[in-house]
Amino acid sequence: MQLRLQSSAGPFDPGFIDKLGELEAAMIAAALDPDKFTVAKSALPRSERMPCSAETQPRVYTVFVADEHFTVKLASDMSFLRFFTLLCLSAEHGEARQIAPADKTITPESAMIRFASRPTGEG
């Protein structure tokens, strides 16, 4: 089982690649199948870029699983890794599943996507 990575904004940071095994283990512990996930990294749209070096611009990370996805803008690959690992840990402890309707069967992957996609302030 392996998480798929795509990037149109340069390679992923070597530190990120080194920690992928730990991320995948956290996903498996949370009943998430890394093989079902794709992480796509892209540059900010030109209209959102600040007048500074390309290396200091936040990146856009989109996580796809089945027909669902969520997107976050973070400063670096390692920031995304910390965010996504915490999200996986919340799924492991059932926090992500709490947002699922009581009468609907939901996969762990769908619960995680919905949890990540909720408006700020919900929880």
Protein backbone atom coordinates (compact mmCIF):
# COMPACT_ATOMS: atom_id res chain seq x y z
CA MET A 1 0.00 0.00 0.00
CA GLN A 2 1.46 3.31 -1.04
CA LEU A 3 0.23 6.88 -1.15
CA ARG A 4 0.48 8.38 -4.64
CA LEU A 5 2.20 11.73 -5.05
CA GLN A 6 1.86 14.21 -7.91
CA SER A 7 3.43 17.63 -8.27
CA SER A 8 3.32 20.45 -10.77
CA ALA A 9 5.32 22.63 -8.37
CA GLY A 10 8.65 20.82 -8.19
CA PRO A 11 9.63 17.70 -6.29
CA PHE A 12 8.45 16.94 -2.79
CA ASP A 13 10.92 17.83 -0.04
CA PRO A 14 13.35 14.96 0.75
CA GLY A 15 12.29 15.14 4.42
CA PHE A 16 8.69 14.58 3.33
CA ILE A 17 9.69 11.56 1.26
CA ASP A 18 11.69 10.18 4.21
CA LYS A 19 8.61 10.39 6.48
CA LEU A 20 6.14 8.86 4.00
CA GLY A 21 6.42 5.43 5.61
CA GLU A 22 5.39 6.87 8.98
CA LEU A 23 2.44 8.67 7.38
CA GLU A 24 1.30 5.50 5.63
CA ALA A 25 1.57 3.56 8.92
CA ALA A 26 -0.60 6.21 10.63
CA MET A 27 -3.14 5.91 7.82
CA ILE A 28 -3.27 2.12 8.12
CA ALA A 29 -3.67 2.40 11.92
CA ALA A 30 -6.67 4.68 11.25
CA ALA A 31 -8.22 2.11 8.86
CA LEU A 32 -7.33 4.30 5.87
CA ASP A 33 -5.88 2.63 2.78
CA PRO A 34 -2.95 4.76 1.53
CA ASP A 35 -3.30 3.14 -1.90
CA LYS A 36 -6.66 4.91 -2.35
CA PHE A 37 -5.15 8.39 -1.77
CA THR A 38 -3.40 10.78 -4.13
CA VAL A 39 -1.70 13.94 -2.89
CA ALA A 40 -1.25 16.59 -5.56
CA LYS A 41 0.98 19.59 -4.92
CA SER A 42 0.67 22.70 -7.06
CA ALA A 43 1.75 26.34 -7.02
CA LEU A 44 -0.59 29.09 -5.93
CA PRO A 45 -2.50 30.70 -8.79
CA ARG A 46 -0.72 33.83 -10.04
CA SER A 47 -3.50 36.02 -8.69
CA GLU A 48 -2.75 34.82 -5.12
CA ARG A 49 1.05 35.03 -5.21
CA MET A 50 2.90 37.57 -3.16
CA PRO A 51 5.82 39.53 -4.60
CA CYS A 52 8.55 37.34 -3.12
CA SER A 53 10.65 34.35 -4.05
CA ALA A 54 8.90 31.27 -5.47
CA GLU A 55 10.54 29.16 -2.74
CA THR A 56 8.72 31.09 0.00
CA GLN A 57 5.28 30.90 -1.59
CA PRO A 58 2.74 28.60 0.05
CA ARG A 59 1.78 25.53 -1.94
CA VAL A 60 -1.65 24.12 -2.68
CA TYR A 61 -2.14 20.50 -1.62
CA THR A 62 -5.16 18.58 -2.84
CA VAL A 63 -5.90 15.14 -1.43
CA PHE A 64 -8.04 12.88 -3.62
CA VAL A 65 -9.75 9.69 -2.53
CA ALA A 66 -12.43 8.06 -4.67
CA ASP A 67 -14.70 10.83 -5.95
CA GLU A 68 -13.94 13.21 -3.09
CA HIS A 69 -11.16 15.65 -2.32
CA PHE A 70 -10.10 18.53 -0.10
CA THR A 71 -7.57 21.29 -0.65
CA VAL A 72 -5.34 23.21 1.76
CA LYS A 73 -2.74 25.94 1.28
CA LEU A 74 0.32 25.44 3.45
CA ALA A 75 3.82 26.86 3.65
CA SER A 76 5.77 23.70 2.90
CA ASP A 77 5.68 19.96 2.30
CA MET A 78 6.57 19.38 5.94
CA SER A 79 3.69 21.61 7.09
CA PHE A 80 1.36 19.54 4.93
CA LEU A 81 2.83 16.31 6.33
CA ARG A 82 2.14 17.46 9.91
CA PHE A 83 -1.41 18.55 8.98
CA PHE A 84 -2.23 15.32 7.13
CA THR A 85 -0.73 13.12 9.85
CA LEU A 86 -2.87 14.88 12.48
CA LEU A 87 -5.89 14.41 10.25
CA CYS A 88 -5.14 10.69 9.99
CA LEU A 89 -4.74 10.48 13.77
CA SER A 90 -8.14 12.17 14.23
CA ALA A 91 -9.63 9.52 11.94
CA GLU A 92 -7.93 6.81 14.01
CA HIS A 93 -9.56 8.12 17.18
CA GLY A 94 -12.98 8.46 15.59
CA GLU A 95 -13.10 12.27 15.58
CA ALA A 96 -13.54 12.41 11.81
CA ARG A 97 -16.39 9.89 11.93
CA GLN A 98 -18.42 12.12 14.28
CA ILE A 99 -19.45 14.32 11.35
CA ALA A 100 -21.08 11.44 9.46
CA PRO A 101 -24.87 11.30 9.46
CA ALA A 102 -26.04 8.68 11.95
CA ASP A 103 -28.20 6.90 9.39
CA LYS A 104 -25.56 6.57 6.67
CA THR A 105 -22.73 4.11 6.38
CA ILE A 106 -19.56 6.04 5.63
CA THR A 107 -16.08 4.85 4.82
CA PRO A 108 -13.14 6.10 6.90
CA GLU A 109 -11.85 7.83 3.76
CA SER A 110 -15.12 9.73 3.23
CA ALA A 111 -15.25 10.69 6.90
CA MET A 112 -11.74 12.08 6.70
CA ILE A 113 -12.53 14.10 3.55
CA ARG A 114 -15.69 15.54 5.14
CA PHE A 115 -13.83 16.31 8.35
CA ALA A 116 -11.07 18.12 6.44
CA SER A 117 -13.56 19.98 4.27
CA ARG A 118 -15.80 21.30 7.03
CA PRO A 119 -15.95 25.08 7.49
CA THR A 120 -13.59 26.54 10.10
CA GLY A 121 -15.11 26.59 13.54
CA GLU A 122 -17.02 23.33 13.26
CA GLY A 123 -15.85 20.31 15.10
